[in-house]
Amino acid sequence: MKKCKITVLKTTLDQELAQEYGVPGLKACPMMQEGQVFYADYAKPKGFCDEAWKAIYQYVFALAHGAGERLFYYGDWIRKPGVAICSCNDGLRPVIFKIEATEEESAIDYTPVR
């Protein structure tokens, strides 16, 4: 298993939906910052949003296990092998991530409880 590099590409706010459904003064997600970089494989990286991880972990898992050697979804989504562009599931202020396969081997960094 390899590590994946996760880069925060954008923090967004859908003004139209926020105006209709959001609380007054709602802004883009405060938990993530554009340009932040995380490395992950099987576990959520320290400091990463729990909800965002639930939305993207399947792509991280797939790339960590070799899906990066070919294109996702029959080649009709992302043109670069080893890359996925995903977002969290916040419908008013989604954060957009780039997930890239790396050549860095993954290692368990904790002692499993048996």
PDB file of N, CA and C in Angstrom:
ATOM      1  N   MET A   1       0.853  -1.176   0.000  1.00  0.00           N
ATOM      2  CA  MET A   1       0.000   0.000   0.000  1.00  0.00           C
ATOM      3  C   MET A   1       0.896   1.234   0.000  1.00  0.00           C
ATOM      4  N   LYS A   2       0.489   2.237  -0.764  1.00  0.00           N
ATOM      5  CA  LYS A   2       1.214   3.506  -0.879  1.00  0.00           C
ATOM      6  C   LYS A   2       0.441   4.612  -0.167  1.00  0.00           C
ATOM      7  N   LYS A   3       1.144   5.668   0.154  1.00  0.00           N
ATOM      8  CA  LYS A   3       0.483   6.847   0.708  1.00  0.00           C
ATOM      9  C   LYS A   3      -0.067   7.687  -0.430  1.00  0.00           C
ATOM     10  N   CYS A   4      -1.086   8.458  -0.122  1.00  0.00           N
ATOM     11  CA  CYS A   4      -1.659   9.404  -1.064  1.00  0.00           C
ATOM     12  C   CYS A   4      -1.454  10.813  -0.538  1.00  0.00           C
ATOM     13  N   LYS A   5      -1.220  11.721  -1.450  1.00  0.00           N
ATOM     14  CA  LYS A   5      -1.105  13.136  -1.114  1.00  0.00           C
ATOM     15  C   LYS A   5      -2.470  13.774  -1.341  1.00  0.00           C
ATOM     16  N   ILE A   6      -2.986  14.460  -0.325  1.00  0.00           N
ATOM     17  CA  ILE A   6      -4.276  15.144  -0.412  1.00  0.00           C
ATOM     18  C   ILE A   6      -4.009  16.640  -0.303  1.00  0.00           C
ATOM     19  N   THR A   7      -4.379  17.382  -1.337  1.00  0.00           N
ATOM     20  CA  THR A   7      -4.175  18.824  -1.356  1.00  0.00           C
ATOM     21  C   THR A   7      -5.535  19.518  -1.373  1.00  0.00           C
ATOM     22  N   VAL A   8      -5.711  20.512  -0.518  1.00  0.00           N
ATOM     23  CA  VAL A   8      -6.930  21.322  -0.533  1.00  0.00           C
ATOM     24  C   VAL A   8      -6.790  22.307  -1.688  1.00  0.00           C
ATOM     25  N   LEU A   9      -7.614  22.113  -2.727  1.00  0.00           N
ATOM     26  CA  LEU A   9      -7.565  22.993  -3.892  1.00  0.00           C
ATOM     27  C   LEU A   9      -8.373  24.263  -3.687  1.00  0.00           C
ATOM     28  N   LYS A  10      -9.583  24.114  -3.132  1.00  0.00           N
ATOM     29  CA  LYS A  10     -10.477  25.262  -2.964  1.00  0.00           C
ATOM     30  C   LYS A  10     -11.370  25.071  -1.757  1.00  0.00           C
ATOM     31  N   THR A  11     -11.677  26.172  -1.109  1.00  0.00           N
ATOM     32  CA  THR A  11     -12.778  26.213  -0.150  1.00  0.00           C
ATOM     33  C   THR A  11     -13.815  27.123  -0.783  1.00  0.00           C
ATOM     34  N   THR A  12     -15.031  26.651  -0.880  1.00  0.00           N
ATOM     35  CA  THR A  12     -16.037  27.386  -1.639  1.00  0.00           C
ATOM     36  C   THR A  12     -17.255  27.704  -0.782  1.00  0.00           C
ATOM     37  N   LEU A  13     -18.090  28.579  -1.308  1.00  0.00           N
ATOM     38  CA  LEU A  13     -19.372  28.905  -0.689  1.00  0.00           C
ATOM     39  C   LEU A  13     -20.356  29.149  -1.829  1.00  0.00           C
ATOM     40  N   ASP A  14     -21.426  28.379  -1.861  1.00  0.00           N
ATOM     41  CA  ASP A  14     -22.471  28.592  -2.851  1.00  0.00           C
ATOM     42  C   ASP A  14     -23.367  29.704  -2.323  1.00  0.00           C
ATOM     43  N   GLN A  15     -23.165  30.902  -2.835  1.00  0.00           N
ATOM     44  CA  GLN A  15     -23.870  32.087  -2.319  1.00  0.00           C
ATOM     45  C   GLN A  15     -25.388  31.936  -2.408  1.00  0.00           C
ATOM     46  N   GLU A  16     -25.868  31.422  -3.522  1.00  0.00           N
ATOM     47  CA  GLU A  16     -27.315  31.289  -3.720  1.00  0.00           C
ATOM     48  C   GLU A  16     -27.938  30.354  -2.686  1.00  0.00           C
ATOM     49  N   LEU A  17     -27.336  29.175  -2.512  1.00  0.00           N
ATOM     50  CA  LEU A  17     -27.869  28.228  -1.534  1.00  0.00           C
ATOM     51  C   LEU A  17     -27.667  28.716  -0.102  1.00  0.00           C
ATOM     52  N   ALA A  18     -26.530  29.355   0.161  1.00  0.00           N
ATOM     53  CA  ALA A  18     -26.262  29.874   1.501  1.00  0.00           C
ATOM     54  C   ALA A  18     -27.268  30.957   1.870  1.00  0.00           C
ATOM     55  N   GLN A  19     -27.633  31.786   0.899  1.00  0.00           N
ATOM     56  CA  GLN A  19     -28.599  32.841   1.170  1.00  0.00           C
ATOM     57  C   GLN A  19     -29.971  32.261   1.510  1.00  0.00           C
ATOM     58  N   GLU A  20     -30.317  31.182   0.811  1.00  0.00           N
ATOM     59  CA  GLU A  20     -31.638  30.585   1.043  1.00  0.00           C
ATOM     60  C   GLU A  20     -31.681  29.699   2.291  1.00  0.00           C
ATOM     61  N   TYR A  21     -30.592  28.944   2.556  1.00  0.00           N
ATOM     62  CA  TYR A  21     -30.648  27.938   3.622  1.00  0.00           C
ATOM     63  C   TYR A  21     -29.662  28.153   4.766  1.00  0.00           C
ATOM     64  N   GLY A  22     -28.618  28.921   4.541  1.00  0.00           N
ATOM     65  CA  GLY A  22     -27.566  29.060   5.542  1.00  0.00           C
ATOM     66  C   GLY A  22     -27.892  30.065   6.624  1.00  0.00           C
ATOM     67  N   VAL A  23     -27.144  29.960   7.715  1.00  0.00           N
ATOM     68  CA  VAL A  23     -27.286  30.936   8.788  1.00  0.00           C
ATOM     69  C   VAL A  23     -26.689  32.265   8.332  1.00  0.00           C
ATOM     70  N   PRO A  24     -27.151  33.369   8.886  1.00  0.00           N
ATOM     71  CA  PRO A  24     -26.582  34.664   8.502  1.00  0.00           C
ATOM     72  C   PRO A  24     -25.066  34.690   8.740  1.00  0.00           C
ATOM     73  N   GLY A  25     -24.356  35.238   7.777  1.00  0.00           N
ATOM     74  CA  GLY A  25     -22.906  35.370   7.910  1.00  0.00           C
ATOM     75  C   GLY A  25     -22.114  34.120   7.584  1.00  0.00           C
ATOM     76  N   LEU A  26     -22.761  33.090   7.049  1.00  0.00           N
ATOM     77  CA  LEU A  26     -22.049  31.852   6.718  1.00  0.00           C
ATOM     78  C   LEU A  26     -20.928  32.138   5.721  1.00  0.00           C
ATOM     79  N   LYS A  27     -19.771  31.556   5.984  1.00  0.00           N
ATOM     80  CA  LYS A  27     -18.607  31.733   5.114  1.00  0.00           C
ATOM     81  C   LYS A  27     -18.097  30.354   4.692  1.00  0.00           C
ATOM     82  N   ALA A  28     -17.079  30.333   3.837  1.00  0.00           N
ATOM     83  CA  ALA A  28     -16.462  29.070   3.424  1.00  0.00           C
ATOM     84  C   ALA A  28     -15.979  28.325   4.661  1.00  0.00           C
ATOM     85  N   CYS A  29     -15.824  27.015   4.526  1.00  0.00           N
ATOM     86  CA  CYS A  29     -15.427  26.147   5.643  1.00  0.00           C
ATOM     87  C   CYS A  29     -14.176  26.674   6.353  1.00  0.00           C
ATOM     88  N   PRO A  30     -14.244  26.821   7.671  1.00  0.00           N
ATOM     89  CA  PRO A  30     -13.088  27.313   8.419  1.00  0.00           C
ATOM     90  C   PRO A  30     -12.103  26.208   8.812  1.00  0.00           C
ATOM     91  N   MET A  31     -12.446  24.945   8.561  1.00  0.00           N
ATOM     92  CA  MET A  31     -11.590  23.837   9.013  1.00  0.00           C
ATOM     93  C   MET A  31     -10.427  23.556   8.076  1.00  0.00           C
ATOM     94  N   MET A  32     -10.565  23.905   6.806  1.00  0.00           N
ATOM     95  CA  MET A  32      -9.540  23.613   5.812  1.00  0.00           C
ATOM     96  C   MET A  32      -9.105  24.909   5.141  1.00  0.00           C
ATOM     97  N   GLN A  33      -7.848  24.946   4.738  1.00  0.00           N
ATOM     98  CA  GLN A  33      -7.304  26.124   4.069  1.00  0.00           C
ATOM     99  C   GLN A  33      -6.739  25.715   2.703  1.00  0.00           C
ATOM    100  N   GLU A  34      -6.974  26.530   1.697  1.00  0.00           N
ATOM    101  CA  GLU A  34      -6.428  26.246   0.374  1.00  0.00           C
ATOM    102  C   GLU A  34      -4.913  26.085   0.465  1.00  0.00           C
ATOM    103  N   GLY A  35      -4.417  25.038  -0.199  1.00  0.00           N
ATOM    104  CA  GLY A  35      -2.986  24.767  -0.193  1.00  0.00           C
ATOM    105  C   GLY A  35      -2.533  23.798   0.882  1.00  0.00           C
ATOM    106  N   GLN A  36      -3.381  23.503   1.863  1.00  0.00           N
ATOM    107  CA  GLN A  36      -3.014  22.524   2.887  1.00  0.00           C
ATOM    108  C   GLN A  36      -2.735  21.182   2.230  1.00  0.00           C
ATOM    109  N   VAL A  37      -1.771  20.443   2.773  1.00  0.00           N
ATOM    110  CA  VAL A  37      -1.418  19.132   2.240  1.00  0.00           C
ATOM    111  C   VAL A  37      -1.433  18.122   3.377  1.00  0.00           C
ATOM    112  N   PHE A  38      -2.018  16.963   3.102  1.00  0.00           N
ATOM    113  CA  PHE A  38      -2.076  15.852   4.041  1.00  0.00           C
ATOM    114  C   PHE A  38      -1.608  14.603   3.309  1.00  0.00           C
ATOM    115  N   TYR A  39      -1.121  13.618   4.058  1.00  0.00           N
ATOM    116  CA  TYR A  39      -0.763  12.313   3.496  1.00  0.00           C
ATOM    117  C   TYR A  39      -1.584  11.254   4.219  1.00  0.00           C
ATOM    118  N   ALA A  40      -2.135  10.319   3.452  1.00  0.00           N
ATOM    119  CA  ALA A  40      -3.011   9.317   4.048  1.00  0.00           C
ATOM    120  C   ALA A  40      -2.916   8.015   3.273  1.00  0.00           C
ATOM    121  N   ASP A  41      -3.427   6.945   3.903  1.00  0.00           N
ATOM    122  CA  ASP A  41      -3.528   5.639   3.277  1.00  0.00           C
ATOM    123  C   ASP A  41      -4.806   4.970   3.766  1.00  0.00           C
ATOM    124  N   TYR A  42      -4.752   4.311   4.889  1.00  0.00           N
ATOM    125  CA  TYR A  42      -5.913   3.609   5.427  1.00  0.00           C
ATOM    126  C   TYR A  42      -6.616   4.410   6.525  1.00  0.00           C
ATOM    127  N   ALA A  43      -5.983   5.435   7.052  1.00  0.00           N
ATOM    128  CA  ALA A  43      -6.515   6.168   8.195  1.00  0.00           C
ATOM    129  C   ALA A  43      -6.568   7.659   7.923  1.00  0.00           C
ATOM    130  N   LYS A  44      -7.509   8.314   8.555  1.00  0.00           N
ATOM    131  CA  LYS A  44      -7.677   9.758   8.429  1.00  0.00           C
ATOM    132  C   LYS A  44      -6.437  10.464   8.957  1.00  0.00           C
ATOM    133  N   PRO A  45      -5.902  11.395   8.186  1.00  0.00           N
ATOM    134  CA  PRO A  45      -4.732  12.134   8.672  1.00  0.00           C
ATOM    135  C   PRO A  45      -5.081  13.035   9.857  1.00  0.00           C
ATOM    136  N   LYS A  46      -4.128  13.226  10.715  1.00  0.00           N
ATOM    137  CA  LYS A  46      -4.314  14.102  11.875  1.00  0.00           C
ATOM    138  C   LYS A  46      -4.669  15.507  11.387  1.00  0.00           C
ATOM    139  N   GLY A  47      -5.699  16.086  11.995  1.00  0.00           N
ATOM    140  CA  GLY A  47      -6.124  17.431  11.653  1.00  0.00           C
ATOM    141  C   GLY A  47      -7.065  17.526  10.473  1.00  0.00           C
ATOM    142  N   PHE A  48      -7.426  16.383   9.885  1.00  0.00           N
ATOM    143  CA  PHE A  48      -8.312  16.372   8.729  1.00  0.00           C
ATOM    144  C   PHE A  48      -9.755  16.310   9.210  1.00  0.00           C
ATOM    145  N   CYS A  49     -10.639  17.017   8.558  1.00  0.00           N
ATOM    146  CA  CYS A  49     -12.060  17.052   8.926  1.00  0.00           C
ATOM    147  C   CYS A  49     -12.686  15.655   8.820  1.00  0.00           C
ATOM    148  N   ASP A  50     -13.393  15.235   9.863  1.00  0.00           N
ATOM    149  CA  ASP A  50     -14.045  13.920   9.875  1.00  0.00           C
ATOM    150  C   ASP A  50     -15.041  13.761   8.725  1.00  0.00           C
ATOM    151  N   GLU A  51     -15.865  14.763   8.507  1.00  0.00           N
ATOM    152  CA  GLU A  51     -16.883  14.675   7.452  1.00  0.00           C
ATOM    153  C   GLU A  51     -16.249  14.651   6.068  1.00  0.00           C
ATOM    154  N   ALA A  52     -15.209  15.432   5.858  1.00  0.00           N
ATOM    155  CA  ALA A  52     -14.517  15.412   4.563  1.00  0.00           C
ATOM    156  C   ALA A  52     -13.882  14.048   4.338  1.00  0.00           C
ATOM    157  N   TRP A  53     -13.297  13.462   5.390  1.00  0.00           N
ATOM    158  CA  TRP A  53     -12.674  12.144   5.251  1.00  0.00           C
ATOM    159  C   TRP A  53     -13.707  11.107   4.833  1.00  0.00           C
ATOM    160  N   LYS A  54     -14.899  11.150   5.435  1.00  0.00           N
ATOM    161  CA  LYS A  54     -15.948  10.193   5.070  1.00  0.00           C
ATOM    162  C   LYS A  54     -16.339  10.330   3.602  1.00  0.00           C
ATOM    163  N   ALA A  55     -16.229  11.530   3.066  1.00  0.00           N
ATOM    164  CA  ALA A  55     -16.613  11.764   1.676  1.00  0.00           C
ATOM    165  C   ALA A  55     -15.539  11.332   0.680  1.00  0.00           C
ATOM    166  N   ILE A  56     -14.254  11.327   1.079  1.00  0.00           N
ATOM    167  CA  ILE A  56     -13.190  11.060   0.099  1.00  0.00           C
ATOM    168  C   ILE A  56     -12.386   9.793   0.362  1.00  0.00           C
ATOM    169  N   TYR A  57     -12.580   9.143   1.505  1.00  0.00           N
ATOM    170  CA  TYR A  57     -11.670   8.050   1.864  1.00  0.00           C
ATOM    171  C   TYR A  57     -11.669   6.904   0.854  1.00  0.00           C
ATOM    172  N   GLN A  58     -12.781   6.654   0.180  1.00  0.00           N
ATOM    173  CA  GLN A  58     -12.798   5.547  -0.782  1.00  0.00           C
ATOM    174  C   GLN A  58     -11.858   5.809  -1.951  1.00  0.00           C
ATOM    175  N   TYR A  59     -11.669   7.062  -2.331  1.00  0.00           N
ATOM    176  CA  TYR A  59     -10.722   7.397  -3.398  1.00  0.00           C
ATOM    177  C   TYR A  59      -9.283   7.258  -2.898  1.00  0.00           C
ATOM    178  N   VAL A  60      -9.043   7.678  -1.660  1.00  0.00           N
ATOM    179  CA  VAL A  60      -7.715   7.508  -1.063  1.00  0.00           C
ATOM    180  C   VAL A  60      -7.386   6.022  -0.992  1.00  0.00           C
ATOM    181  N   PHE A  61      -8.309   5.222  -0.517  1.00  0.00           N
ATOM    182  CA  PHE A  61      -8.096   3.780  -0.385  1.00  0.00           C
ATOM    183  C   PHE A  61      -7.805   3.152  -1.748  1.00  0.00           C
ATOM    184  N   ALA A  62      -8.583   3.535  -2.758  1.00  0.00           N
ATOM    185  CA  ALA A  62      -8.390   2.972  -4.100  1.00  0.00           C
ATOM    186  C   ALA A  62      -7.022   3.349  -4.659  1.00  0.00           C
ATOM    187  N   LEU A  63      -6.645   4.604  -4.551  1.00  0.00           N
ATOM    188  CA  LEU A  63      -5.346   5.033  -5.070  1.00  0.00           C
ATOM    189  C   LEU A  63      -4.199   4.414  -4.280  1.00  0.00           C
ATOM    190  N   ALA A  64      -4.365   4.277  -2.974  1.00  0.00           N
ATOM    191  CA  ALA A  64      -3.323   3.669  -2.137  1.00  0.00           C
ATOM    192  C   ALA A  64      -3.103   2.206  -2.503  1.00  0.00           C
ATOM    193  N   HIS A  65      -4.123   1.578  -3.077  1.00  0.00           N
ATOM    194  CA  HIS A  65      -4.037   0.165  -3.444  1.00  0.00           C
ATOM    195  C   HIS A  65      -3.855  -0.060  -4.948  1.00  0.00           C
ATOM    196  N   GLY A  66      -3.368   0.945  -5.664  1.00  0.00           N
ATOM    197  CA  GLY A  66      -2.985   0.726  -7.045  1.00  0.00           C
ATOM    198  C   GLY A  66      -3.925   1.221  -8.117  1.00  0.00           C
ATOM    199  N   ALA A  67      -5.037   1.831  -7.744  1.00  0.00           N
ATOM    200  CA  ALA A  67      -5.952   2.324  -8.770  1.00  0.00           C
ATOM    201  C   ALA A  67      -5.316   3.438  -9.600  1.00  0.00           C
ATOM    202  N   GLY A  68      -4.228   4.006  -9.126  1.00  0.00           N
ATOM    203  CA  GLY A  68      -3.569   5.092  -9.835  1.00  0.00           C
ATOM    204  C   GLY A  68      -2.902   4.681 -11.128  1.00  0.00           C
ATOM    205  N   GLU A  69      -2.810   3.396 -11.372  1.00  0.00           N
ATOM    206  CA  GLU A  69      -2.163   2.928 -12.599  1.00  0.00           C
ATOM    207  C   GLU A  69      -3.063   3.096 -13.816  1.00  0.00           C
ATOM    208  N   ARG A  70      -4.318   3.372 -13.585  1.00  0.00           N
ATOM    209  CA  ARG A  70      -5.243   3.584 -14.701  1.00  0.00           C
ATOM    210  C   ARG A  70      -6.202   4.709 -14.324  1.00  0.00           C
ATOM    211  N   LEU A  71      -7.026   5.097 -15.285  1.00  0.00           N
ATOM    212  CA  LEU A  71      -7.966   6.187 -15.064  1.00  0.00           C
ATOM    213  C   LEU A  71      -9.196   5.693 -14.316  1.00  0.00           C
ATOM    214  N   PHE A  72      -9.770   6.548 -13.494  1.00  0.00           N
ATOM    215  CA  PHE A  72     -11.021   6.221 -12.809  1.00  0.00           C
ATOM    216  C   PHE A  72     -12.177   6.213 -13.803  1.00  0.00           C
ATOM    217  N   TYR A  73     -13.190   5.432 -13.524  1.00  0.00           N
ATOM    218  CA  TYR A  73     -14.459   5.426 -14.244  1.00  0.00           C
ATOM    219  C   TYR A  73     -14.300   5.367 -15.754  1.00  0.00           C
ATOM    220  N   TYR A  74     -13.622   4.371 -16.225  1.00  0.00           N
ATOM    221  CA  TYR A  74     -13.528   4.104 -17.655  1.00  0.00           C
ATOM    222  C   TYR A  74     -12.887   5.246 -18.439  1.00  0.00           C
ATOM    223  N   GLY A  75     -12.155   6.102 -17.771  1.00  0.00           N
ATOM    224  CA  GLY A  75     -11.468   7.195 -18.448  1.00  0.00           C
ATOM    225  C   GLY A  75     -12.346   8.368 -18.833  1.00  0.00           C
ATOM    226  N   ASP A  76     -13.564   8.451 -18.296  1.00  0.00           N
ATOM    227  CA  ASP A  76     -14.438   9.563 -18.670  1.00  0.00           C
ATOM    228  C   ASP A  76     -14.631  10.583 -17.541  1.00  0.00           C
ATOM    229  N   TRP A  77     -13.647  10.643 -16.645  1.00  0.00           N
ATOM    230  CA  TRP A  77     -13.759  11.580 -15.527  1.00  0.00           C
ATOM    231  C   TRP A  77     -12.500  12.434 -15.434  1.00  0.00           C
ATOM    232  N   ILE A  78     -11.422  11.875 -14.913  1.00  0.00           N
ATOM    233  CA  ILE A  78     -10.152  12.578 -14.749  1.00  0.00           C
ATOM    234  C   ILE A  78      -9.193  12.070 -15.822  1.00  0.00           C
ATOM    235  N   ARG A  79      -8.488  12.956 -16.495  1.00  0.00           N
ATOM    236  CA  ARG A  79      -7.608  12.530 -17.590  1.00  0.00           C
ATOM    237  C   ARG A  79      -6.235  12.071 -17.139  1.00  0.00           C
ATOM    238  N   LYS A  80      -5.864  12.322 -15.875  1.00  0.00           N
ATOM    239  CA  LYS A  80      -4.540  11.942 -15.386  1.00  0.00           C
ATOM    240  C   LYS A  80      -4.626  10.690 -14.520  1.00  0.00           C
ATOM    241  N   PRO A  81      -3.911   9.647 -14.855  1.00  0.00           N
ATOM    242  CA  PRO A  81      -3.885   8.464 -13.990  1.00  0.00           C
ATOM    243  C   PRO A  81      -3.317   8.825 -12.617  1.00  0.00           C
ATOM    244  N   GLY A  82      -3.840   8.186 -11.585  1.00  0.00           N
ATOM    245  CA  GLY A  82      -3.327   8.407 -10.233  1.00  0.00           C
ATOM    246  C   GLY A  82      -3.837   9.646  -9.560  1.00  0.00           C
ATOM    247  N   VAL A  83      -4.876  10.272 -10.115  1.00  0.00           N
ATOM    248  CA  VAL A  83      -5.415  11.513  -9.547  1.00  0.00           C
ATOM    249  C   VAL A  83      -6.937  11.409  -9.456  1.00  0.00           C
ATOM    250  N   ALA A  84      -7.481  11.939  -8.362  1.00  0.00           N
ATOM    251  CA  ALA A  84      -8.929  12.092  -8.214  1.00  0.00           C
ATOM    252  C   ALA A  84      -9.182  13.491  -7.668  1.00  0.00           C
ATOM    253  N   ILE A  85     -10.194  14.158  -8.193  1.00  0.00           N
ATOM    254  CA  ILE A  85     -10.621  15.460  -7.685  1.00  0.00           C
ATOM    255  C   ILE A  85     -11.974  15.223  -7.035  1.00  0.00           C
ATOM    256  N   CYS A  86     -12.048  15.479  -5.730  1.00  0.00           N
ATOM    257  CA  CYS A  86     -13.243  15.169  -4.945  1.00  0.00           C
ATOM    258  C   CYS A  86     -13.588  16.348  -4.051  1.00  0.00           C
ATOM    259  N   SER A  87     -14.763  16.302  -3.475  1.00  0.00           N
ATOM    260  CA  SER A  87     -15.149  17.342  -2.523  1.00  0.00           C
ATOM    261  C   SER A  87     -15.805  16.706  -1.308  1.00  0.00           C
ATOM    262  N   CYS A  88     -15.861  17.487  -0.250  1.00  0.00           N
ATOM    263  CA  CYS A  88     -16.585  17.025   0.930  1.00  0.00           C
ATOM    264  C   CYS A  88     -18.074  17.119   0.634  1.00  0.00           C
ATOM    265  N   ASN A  89     -18.897  16.692   1.561  1.00  0.00           N
ATOM    266  CA  ASN A  89     -20.330  16.628   1.302  1.00  0.00           C
ATOM    267  C   ASN A  89     -21.116  17.810   1.874  1.00  0.00           C
ATOM    268  N   ASP A  90     -20.461  18.918   2.165  1.00  0.00           N
ATOM    269  CA  ASP A  90     -21.150  20.112   2.640  1.00  0.00           C
ATOM    270  C   ASP A  90     -21.758  20.802   1.424  1.00  0.00           C
ATOM    271  N   GLY A  91     -23.059  20.768   1.301  1.00  0.00           N
ATOM    272  CA  GLY A  91     -23.728  21.311   0.129  1.00  0.00           C
ATOM    273  C   GLY A  91     -23.695  22.820   0.014  1.00  0.00           C
ATOM    274  N   LEU A  92     -23.455  23.526   1.108  1.00  0.00           N
ATOM    275  CA  LEU A  92     -23.389  24.978   1.056  1.00  0.00           C
ATOM    276  C   LEU A  92     -21.965  25.491   0.878  1.00  0.00           C
ATOM    277  N   ARG A  93     -20.994  24.773   1.456  1.00  0.00           N
ATOM    278  CA  ARG A  93     -19.604  25.246   1.417  1.00  0.00           C
ATOM    279  C   ARG A  93     -18.624  24.095   1.225  1.00  0.00           C
ATOM    280  N   PRO A  94     -18.719  23.418   0.090  1.00  0.00           N
ATOM    281  CA  PRO A  94     -17.834  22.273  -0.138  1.00  0.00           C
ATOM    282  C   PRO A  94     -16.366  22.669  -0.270  1.00  0.00           C
ATOM    283  N   VAL A  95     -15.521  21.778   0.202  1.00  0.00           N
ATOM    284  CA  VAL A  95     -14.079  21.905   0.047  1.00  0.00           C
ATOM    285  C   VAL A  95     -13.671  20.915  -1.036  1.00  0.00           C
ATOM    286  N   ILE A  96     -12.835  21.356  -1.969  1.00  0.00           N
ATOM    287  CA  ILE A  96     -12.435  20.531  -3.097  1.00  0.00           C
ATOM    288  C   ILE A  96     -10.989  20.078  -2.901  1.00  0.00           C
ATOM    289  N   PHE A  97     -10.773  18.770  -3.080  1.00  0.00           N
ATOM    290  CA  PHE A  97      -9.474  18.150  -2.833  1.00  0.00           C
ATOM    291  C   PHE A  97      -8.915  17.505  -4.093  1.00  0.00           C
ATOM    292  N   LYS A  98      -7.595  17.518  -4.201  1.00  0.00           N
ATOM    293  CA  LYS A  98      -6.899  16.710  -5.207  1.00  0.00           C
ATOM    294  C   LYS A  98      -6.211  15.584  -4.446  1.00  0.00           C
ATOM    295  N   ILE A  99      -6.478  14.354  -4.850  1.00  0.00           N
ATOM    296  CA  ILE A  99      -5.864  13.177  -4.230  1.00  0.00           C
ATOM    297  C   ILE A  99      -4.940  12.568  -5.276  1.00  0.00           C
ATOM    298  N   GLU A 100      -3.683  12.359  -4.891  1.00  0.00           N
ATOM    299  CA  GLU A 100      -2.692  11.819  -5.823  1.00  0.00           C
ATOM    300  C   GLU A 100      -2.011  10.601  -5.229  1.00  0.00           C
ATOM    301  N   ALA A 101      -1.859   9.586  -6.032  1.00  0.00           N
ATOM    302  CA  ALA A 101      -1.072   8.426  -5.618  1.00  0.00           C
ATOM    303  C   ALA A 101       0.392   8.852  -5.541  1.00  0.00           C
ATOM    304  N   THR A 102       1.136   8.314  -4.573  1.00  0.00           N
ATOM    305  CA  THR A 102       2.575   8.567  -4.479  1.00  0.00           C
ATOM    306  C   THR A 102       3.296   7.225  -4.522  1.00  0.00           C
ATOM    307  N   GLU A 103       4.599   7.282  -4.520  1.00  0.00           N
ATOM    308  CA  GLU A 103       5.413   6.066  -4.472  1.00  0.00           C
ATOM    309  C   GLU A 103       5.865   5.744  -3.049  1.00  0.00           C
ATOM    310  N   GLU A 104       5.448   6.573  -2.086  1.00  0.00           N
ATOM    311  CA  GLU A 104       5.860   6.382  -0.692  1.00  0.00           C
ATOM    312  C   GLU A 104       5.105   5.212  -0.065  1.00  0.00           C
ATOM    313  N   GLU A 105       5.859   4.244   0.427  1.00  0.00           N
ATOM    314  CA  GLU A 105       5.246   3.072   1.064  1.00  0.00           C
ATOM    315  C   GLU A 105       4.565   3.476   2.367  1.00  0.00           C
ATOM    316  N   SER A 106       3.421   2.871   2.618  1.00  0.00           N
ATOM    317  CA  SER A 106       2.695   3.110   3.842  1.00  0.00           C
ATOM    318  C   SER A 106       3.188   2.176   4.945  1.00  0.00           C
ATOM    319  N   ALA A 107       3.117   2.648   6.172  1.00  0.00           N
ATOM    320  CA  ALA A 107       3.494   1.814   7.323  1.00  0.00           C
ATOM    321  C   ALA A 107       2.559   2.123   8.479  1.00  0.00           C
ATOM    322  N   ILE A 108       2.202   1.105   9.216  1.00  0.00           N
ATOM    323  CA  ILE A 108       1.368   1.310  10.402  1.00  0.00           C
ATOM    324  C   ILE A 108       2.182   2.091  11.426  1.00  0.00           C
ATOM    325  N   ASP A 109       1.639   3.198  11.878  1.00  0.00           N
ATOM    326  CA  ASP A 109       2.363   4.040  12.827  1.00  0.00           C
ATOM    327  C   ASP A 109       1.744   3.986  14.228  1.00  0.00           C
ATOM    328  N   TYR A 110       1.121   2.866  14.535  1.00  0.00           N
ATOM    329  CA  TYR A 110       0.582   2.656  15.884  1.00  0.00           C
ATOM    330  C   TYR A 110       0.635   1.163  16.187  1.00  0.00           C
ATOM    331  N   THR A 111       0.457   0.823  17.446  1.00  0.00           N
ATOM    332  CA  THR A 111       0.442  -0.584  17.850  1.00  0.00           C
ATOM    333  C   THR A 111      -1.004  -1.056  17.895  1.00  0.00           C
ATOM    334  N   PRO A 112      -1.382  -2.011  17.044  1.00  0.00           N
ATOM    335  CA  PRO A 112      -2.760  -2.500  17.044  1.00  0.00           C
ATOM    336  C   PRO A 112      -3.124  -3.142  18.375  1.00  0.00           C
ATOM    337  N   VAL A 113      -4.351  -2.939  18.802  1.00  0.00           N
ATOM    338  CA  VAL A 113      -4.853  -3.547  20.039  1.00  0.00           C
ATOM    339  C   VAL A 113      -5.448  -4.892  19.669  1.00  0.00           C
ATOM    340  N   ARG A 114      -5.047  -5.936  20.409  1.00  0.00           N
ATOM    341  CA  ARG A 114      -5.576  -7.283  20.125  1.00  0.00           C
ATOM    342  C   ARG A 114      -6.375  -7.794  21.287  1.00  0.00           C
TER     343      ARG A 114
END
